[in-house]
Protein backbone atom coordinates (compact mmCIF):
# COMPACT_ATOMS: atom_id res chain seq x y z
CA MET A 1 3.17 60.57 226.73
CA PRO A 2 3.67 60.45 222.90
CA SER A 3 5.86 57.39 223.31
CA GLN A 4 3.01 55.26 224.69
CA PRO A 5 0.88 55.18 221.49
CA VAL A 6 4.01 54.41 219.48
CA SER A 7 4.98 51.52 221.71
CA ARG A 8 1.41 50.24 221.69
CA ARG A 9 1.38 50.41 217.89
CA ALA A 10 4.70 48.55 217.78
CA LYS A 11 3.24 45.79 219.96
CA VAL A 12 0.20 45.50 217.68
CA ASP A 13 2.43 45.32 214.60
CA ARG A 14 4.59 42.66 216.28
CA SER A 15 1.52 40.58 217.19
CA HIS A 16 0.36 40.76 213.55
CA TRP A 17 3.69 39.42 212.36
CA VAL A 18 3.61 36.67 214.97
CA GLY A 19 0.10 35.73 213.81
CA LEU A 20 1.25 35.62 210.18
CA LEU A 21 4.13 33.33 211.15
CA TYR A 22 1.70 30.94 212.82
CA ILE A 23 -0.57 30.71 209.77
CA ALA A 24 2.26 30.78 207.21
CA PRO A 25 2.50 26.94 206.93
CA ALA A 26 -1.24 26.69 206.23
CA ILE A 27 -1.04 29.51 203.68
CA ILE A 28 1.88 27.80 201.93
CA LEU A 29 0.07 24.44 201.84
CA VAL A 30 -3.15 25.96 200.49
CA THR A 31 -1.23 27.95 197.90
CA VAL A 32 0.90 25.04 196.70
CA PHE A 33 -1.75 22.33 196.75
CA PHE A 34 -4.93 24.28 195.92
CA VAL A 35 -4.47 27.80 194.54
CA ILE A 36 -1.66 27.01 192.08
CA PRO A 37 -3.25 23.75 190.79
CA LEU A 38 -6.59 25.53 190.45
CA GLY A 39 -4.97 28.30 188.42
CA MET A 40 -3.16 25.77 186.24
CA THR A 41 -6.41 23.85 185.66
CA ALA A 42 -8.23 27.03 184.66
CA TRP A 43 -5.37 27.90 182.26
CA MET A 44 -5.33 24.40 180.76
CA SER A 45 -9.10 24.55 180.22
CA LEU A 46 -8.54 27.38 177.72
CA HIS A 47 -6.20 25.26 175.58
CA ASN A 48 -6.21 22.26 173.32
CA TRP A 49 -3.76 20.39 175.56
CA PRO A 50 -2.84 16.91 174.32
CA LEU A 51 -0.75 14.56 176.43
CA MET A 52 2.07 14.74 173.90
CA GLY A 53 2.86 17.67 171.64
CA GLN A 54 2.35 21.41 171.74
CA HIS A 55 -0.70 22.89 173.42
CA ARG A 56 -2.70 25.58 171.63
CA PHE A 57 -4.85 28.39 173.02
CA ILE A 58 -8.50 28.00 171.95
CA GLY A 59 -10.31 30.29 174.39
CA LEU A 60 -13.75 29.08 175.46
CA ASP A 61 -14.04 26.32 172.85
CA ASN A 62 -13.76 23.58 175.48
CA TYR A 63 -16.62 25.09 177.48
CA ILE A 64 -18.75 25.40 174.34
CA ALA A 65 -18.05 21.72 173.62
CA ILE A 66 -19.26 20.82 177.11
CA THR A 67 -22.72 22.19 176.33
CA LYS A 68 -22.96 19.62 173.52
CA ASP A 69 -21.42 16.71 175.48
CA VAL A 70 -24.43 14.45 176.09
CA ARG A 71 -22.30 11.84 177.87
CA PHE A 72 -21.12 14.39 180.44
CA TRP A 73 -24.63 15.62 181.20
CA ASN A 74 -25.88 12.04 181.53
CA ALA A 75 -22.97 11.34 183.90
CA LEU A 76 -23.81 14.46 185.89
CA LYS A 77 -27.48 13.46 186.06
CA PHE A 78 -26.51 10.02 187.38
CA THR A 79 -24.08 11.62 189.86
CA LEU A 80 -26.81 13.87 191.27
CA TYR A 81 -29.20 10.91 191.53
CA TYR A 82 -26.54 8.89 193.34
CA THR A 83 -25.77 11.86 195.63
CA VAL A 84 -29.39 12.23 196.73
CA ILE A 85 -29.86 8.51 197.41
CA VAL A 86 -26.57 7.92 199.20
CA THR A 87 -26.84 11.08 201.32
CA ILE A 88 -30.31 10.09 202.54
CA ALA A 89 -29.06 6.56 203.26
CA ILE A 90 -26.00 7.80 205.16
CA PHE A 91 -28.04 10.11 207.40
CA ALA A 92 -30.70 7.43 207.92
CA VAL A 93 -28.00 5.18 209.37
CA ALA A 94 -25.67 7.74 210.98
CA PHE A 95 -28.29 9.68 212.99
CA PRO A 96 -29.66 6.65 214.90
CA LEU A 97 -26.09 5.49 215.52
CA ALA A 98 -25.17 8.95 216.87
CA LEU A 99 -28.19 8.91 219.19
CA PHE A 100 -27.24 5.40 220.33
CA VAL A 101 -23.59 6.18 221.20
CA GLU A 102 -24.04 9.78 222.37
CA LYS A 103 -24.28 9.10 226.10
CA PRO A 104 -21.88 6.94 228.13
CA ARG A 105 -23.19 3.46 228.80
CA PRO A 106 -21.67 -0.02 229.06
CA MET A 107 -19.70 -0.92 225.90
CA THR A 108 -20.20 2.55 224.39
CA GLY A 109 -16.49 2.82 223.55
CA VAL A 110 -16.62 -0.54 221.78
CA TYR A 111 -19.68 0.47 219.77
CA ARG A 112 -18.14 3.81 218.76
CA THR A 113 -14.94 2.09 217.64
CA ALA A 114 -16.79 -0.62 215.72
CA PHE A 115 -19.05 1.88 213.92
CA PHE A 116 -16.13 4.17 213.06
CA MET A 117 -13.65 1.47 212.03
CA PRO A 118 -14.66 1.24 208.32
CA VAL A 119 -13.86 4.96 207.95
CA VAL A 120 -10.12 4.32 208.34
CA VAL A 121 -10.18 1.99 205.33
CA GLY A 122 -9.43 3.83 202.10
CA PHE A 123 -12.10 3.92 199.41
CA ALA A 124 -9.86 1.99 197.02
CA SER A 125 -9.21 -0.73 199.60
CA ALA A 126 -12.89 -0.88 200.56
CA SER A 127 -13.85 -1.17 196.89
CA LEU A 128 -11.42 -4.03 196.36
CA LEU A 129 -12.82 -5.79 199.44
CA TRP A 130 -16.38 -5.43 198.15
CA ALA A 131 -15.30 -6.51 194.68
CA TRP A 132 -14.35 -9.83 196.26
CA LEU A 133 -17.53 -9.99 198.37
CA LEU A 134 -19.68 -9.38 195.27
CA ASN A 135 -17.85 -11.87 193.07
CA VAL A 136 -20.38 -14.33 191.70
CA ASP A 137 -18.14 -17.38 192.14
CA SER A 138 -15.51 -16.78 194.81
CA GLY A 139 -17.23 -14.03 196.79
CA LEU A 140 -19.46 -14.19 199.85
CA PHE A 141 -22.88 -12.74 199.07
CA SER A 142 -23.96 -14.76 196.02
CA PRO A 143 -22.80 -18.22 197.25
CA ALA A 144 -24.22 -17.49 200.73
CA ALA A 145 -27.59 -16.54 199.25
CA GLN A 146 -27.66 -19.80 197.30
CA MET A 147 -26.67 -21.86 200.34
CA LEU A 148 -29.40 -20.23 202.44
CA GLY A 149 -31.98 -20.95 199.75
CA LEU A 150 -32.63 -17.27 198.99
CA THR A 151 -31.81 -17.82 195.31
CA GLU A 152 -31.99 -20.92 193.15
CA LYS A 153 -28.56 -20.28 191.64
CA LYS A 154 -25.65 -17.92 192.02
CA PHE A 155 -26.66 -14.37 191.21
CA ASN A 156 -24.30 -11.75 189.80
CA LEU A 157 -25.10 -8.60 191.77
CA ILE A 158 -23.21 -6.28 189.43
CA ALA A 159 -24.55 -7.60 186.11
CA THR A 160 -27.60 -5.31 186.00
CA PHE A 161 -28.10 -1.71 187.06
CA ASN A 162 -30.35 -1.92 190.13
CA PRO A 163 -28.43 -4.61 192.07
CA ALA A 164 -25.12 -2.99 191.11
CA PHE A 165 -26.27 0.49 192.13
CA TRP A 166 -27.67 -0.60 195.48
CA SER A 167 -24.56 -2.68 196.17
CA ILE A 168 -22.55 0.53 195.78
CA ILE A 169 -24.95 2.36 198.10
CA VAL A 170 -24.60 -0.30 200.80
CA MET A 171 -20.81 -0.25 200.49
CA VAL A 172 -20.60 3.55 200.75
CA VAL A 173 -22.96 3.66 203.74
CA TRP A 174 -20.87 0.97 205.48
CA LYS A 175 -17.74 2.97 204.73
CA VAL A 176 -18.91 6.55 205.50
CA ALA A 177 -21.73 6.35 208.08
CA GLY A 178 -19.26 6.13 210.98
CA PHE A 179 -17.68 9.45 210.02
CA THR A 180 -21.05 11.21 209.79
CA MET A 181 -22.01 9.57 213.08
CA VAL A 182 -19.04 11.19 214.84
CA ILE A 183 -19.94 14.64 213.47
CA LEU A 184 -23.58 14.29 214.54
CA MET A 185 -22.59 12.85 217.92
CA THR A 186 -20.43 15.91 218.57
CA GLY A 187 -23.41 18.14 217.81
CA LEU A 188 -25.65 16.13 220.11
CA GLN A 189 -23.16 16.34 222.96
CA SER A 190 -22.95 20.13 222.60
CA ILE A 191 -26.66 20.54 223.42
CA PRO A 192 -27.06 21.62 227.08
CA THR A 193 -28.64 18.87 229.15
CA GLU A 194 -30.55 21.52 231.12
CA LEU A 195 -32.75 22.16 228.08
CA GLN A 196 -33.64 18.49 227.76
CA GLU A 197 -34.35 18.21 231.49
CA ALA A 198 -36.54 21.33 231.45
CA ALA A 199 -38.51 19.96 228.50
CA LYS A 200 -39.00 16.65 230.36
CA ILE A 201 -40.32 18.50 233.38
CA ASP A 202 -42.74 20.39 231.12
CA GLY A 203 -44.05 17.05 229.86
CA ALA A 204 -42.47 16.90 226.40
CA ASN A 205 -42.01 13.37 225.10
CA ALA A 206 -38.90 12.11 223.28
CA TRP A 207 -40.16 13.03 219.79
CA GLN A 208 -41.20 16.53 220.88
CA ARG A 209 -37.79 17.13 222.49
CA PHE A 210 -36.05 15.87 219.36
CA ARG A 211 -38.12 18.11 217.06
CA ALA A 212 -38.15 21.26 219.19
CA ILE A 213 -34.69 21.15 220.81
CA THR A 214 -32.31 18.67 219.17
CA LEU A 215 -32.88 19.45 215.49
CA PRO A 216 -32.90 23.27 215.77
CA LEU A 217 -29.71 23.29 217.86
CA MET A 218 -27.96 20.97 215.41
CA ARG A 219 -28.42 23.13 212.30
CA ARG A 220 -24.72 23.91 211.95
CA THR A 221 -23.67 20.33 212.66
CA VAL A 222 -26.15 18.93 210.15
CA ALA A 223 -25.05 21.55 207.62
CA LEU A 224 -21.41 20.51 208.00
CA ALA A 225 -22.21 16.79 207.72
CA LEU A 226 -24.50 17.39 204.76
CA ILE A 227 -21.97 19.49 202.84
CA LEU A 228 -19.22 16.92 203.40
CA SER A 229 -21.53 14.09 202.33
CA VAL A 230 -22.77 15.87 199.20
CA ALA A 231 -19.27 16.99 198.17
CA GLY A 232 -17.87 13.49 198.63
CA SER A 233 -20.74 11.94 196.69
CA ILE A 234 -20.47 14.34 193.76
CA LEU A 235 -16.75 13.54 193.56
CA ALA A 236 -17.36 9.77 193.70
CA PHE A 237 -14.97 7.80 191.53
CA ASP A 238 -13.08 4.95 193.22
CA GLN A 239 -16.03 2.66 193.93
CA PHE A 240 -17.53 3.01 190.45
CA TYR A 241 -14.18 2.59 188.70
CA ILE A 242 -12.93 -0.39 190.72
CA LEU A 243 -16.21 -2.25 191.17
CA LEU A 244 -18.15 -1.54 187.99
CA ARG A 245 -15.84 0.16 185.45
CA GLY A 246 -18.83 2.30 184.53
CA GLY A 247 -20.99 -0.71 183.81
CA PRO A 248 -23.31 -2.34 183.31
CA ARG A 249 -23.62 -0.78 179.84
CA ASN A 250 -22.07 2.54 180.90
CA SER A 251 -25.01 3.20 183.24
CA THR A 252 -22.87 4.07 186.30
CA ILE A 253 -20.44 6.60 184.85
CA THR A 254 -20.11 9.51 187.28
CA ALA A 255 -18.99 13.04 186.44
CA VAL A 256 -15.49 12.45 187.83
CA TYR A 257 -15.29 9.14 185.98
CA TRP A 258 -16.06 10.96 182.71
CA ILE A 259 -13.44 13.60 183.49
CA PHE A 260 -10.92 10.82 184.12
CA ASN A 261 -11.92 9.15 180.87
CA GLN A 262 -11.49 12.32 178.82
CA SER A 263 -8.22 13.30 180.50
CA PHE A 264 -6.34 10.01 180.83
CA VAL A 265 -8.00 7.66 178.35
CA SER A 266 -8.73 10.02 175.48
CA PHE A 267 -5.75 12.25 176.51
CA LYS A 268 -7.75 15.47 176.07
CA LEU A 269 -6.28 17.22 179.10
CA GLY A 270 -7.60 20.67 178.21
CA TYR A 271 -11.14 19.38 177.83
CA GLY A 272 -10.83 17.40 181.05
CA ALA A 273 -9.67 20.56 182.83
CA ALA A 274 -12.71 22.44 181.51
CA LEU A 275 -14.98 19.66 182.79
CA SER A 276 -13.27 19.91 186.19
CA MET A 277 -13.90 23.65 186.36
CA VAL A 278 -17.58 23.17 185.52
CA LEU A 279 -17.90 20.51 188.22
CA LEU A 280 -16.17 22.81 190.73
CA VAL A 281 -18.68 25.58 190.01
CA ILE A 282 -21.59 23.14 190.44
CA LEU A 283 -20.14 21.93 193.74
CA VAL A 284 -19.67 25.47 195.07
CA VAL A 285 -23.22 26.45 194.08
CA LEU A 286 -24.71 23.37 195.78
CA SER A 287 -22.69 24.04 198.94
CA LEU A 288 -23.87 27.67 199.07
CA ILE A 289 -27.48 26.56 198.61
CA GLN A 290 -27.14 24.07 201.47
CA LEU A 291 -25.60 26.69 203.75
CA ARG A 292 -28.40 29.13 202.96
CA LEU A 293 -31.16 26.57 203.55
CA LEU A 294 -29.66 25.30 206.80
CA ARG A 295 -28.58 28.60 208.34
CA ASN A 296 -30.15 29.68 211.63
CA PRO A 297 -33.17 32.01 211.52
CA GLU A 298 -30.88 34.74 212.92
CA GLY A 299 -28.79 34.41 209.74
CA THR A 300 -25.75 32.74 211.34
């Protein structure tokens, strides 16, 4: 009899080791590509770390300097403004698309593929494509508008803030909405059809079913899509760097753009690392707030 608990314990220990072996590759990848770089960034943020020469420990001086960096706070303010606008725009496009392609119908596969296709294009490649489309002379939009009589002459869409900003918004929505659509479509397909049919029998119209059944059951899906959208928007860089270079008149410099500028233009790597840590904290706080606001009433 005493041998049975021992053998059972040995089996449990063996299963633990087998489980560790299965997750070991993921642990190694996370450690090498996230934990170690994060630790190095935090260490660099405590130093005066030039690109060339000896680094010097300065404690929290970089973080104190951030509190006085007006350019960074302006960049962060613009980043948050951009995040709010682009997230609303993405969901405004992605949700109707998800409702449209949720159920099988003729050509549904074609529609899903067409809506998702821009997602596979990298942000740098998409930005270069739109840089050509927005070109005042050799592009598509400005000459086409003149030919159609919408404008009297060619119009440079990236010469002033509002046209440049909304051009970026349109480009990002075109690029990202398909990805958000797939996430929302998955959530829609997970809702039991019996609930919708029961609501129909009880006389609920489409809007009532959407408000009382669809939205509450998609809290987790919406939370996931929202967190991914907000995180990606706060970390926006490629489109603003390639298309606008921070212009016009430095009005579209994002937080990541400013970190890049301080790190690889001004070569203040320690200060850039401190800025990165501050942005990481802001991103984590915003994600936690979103999770708390969108959690189920039961707390899950």
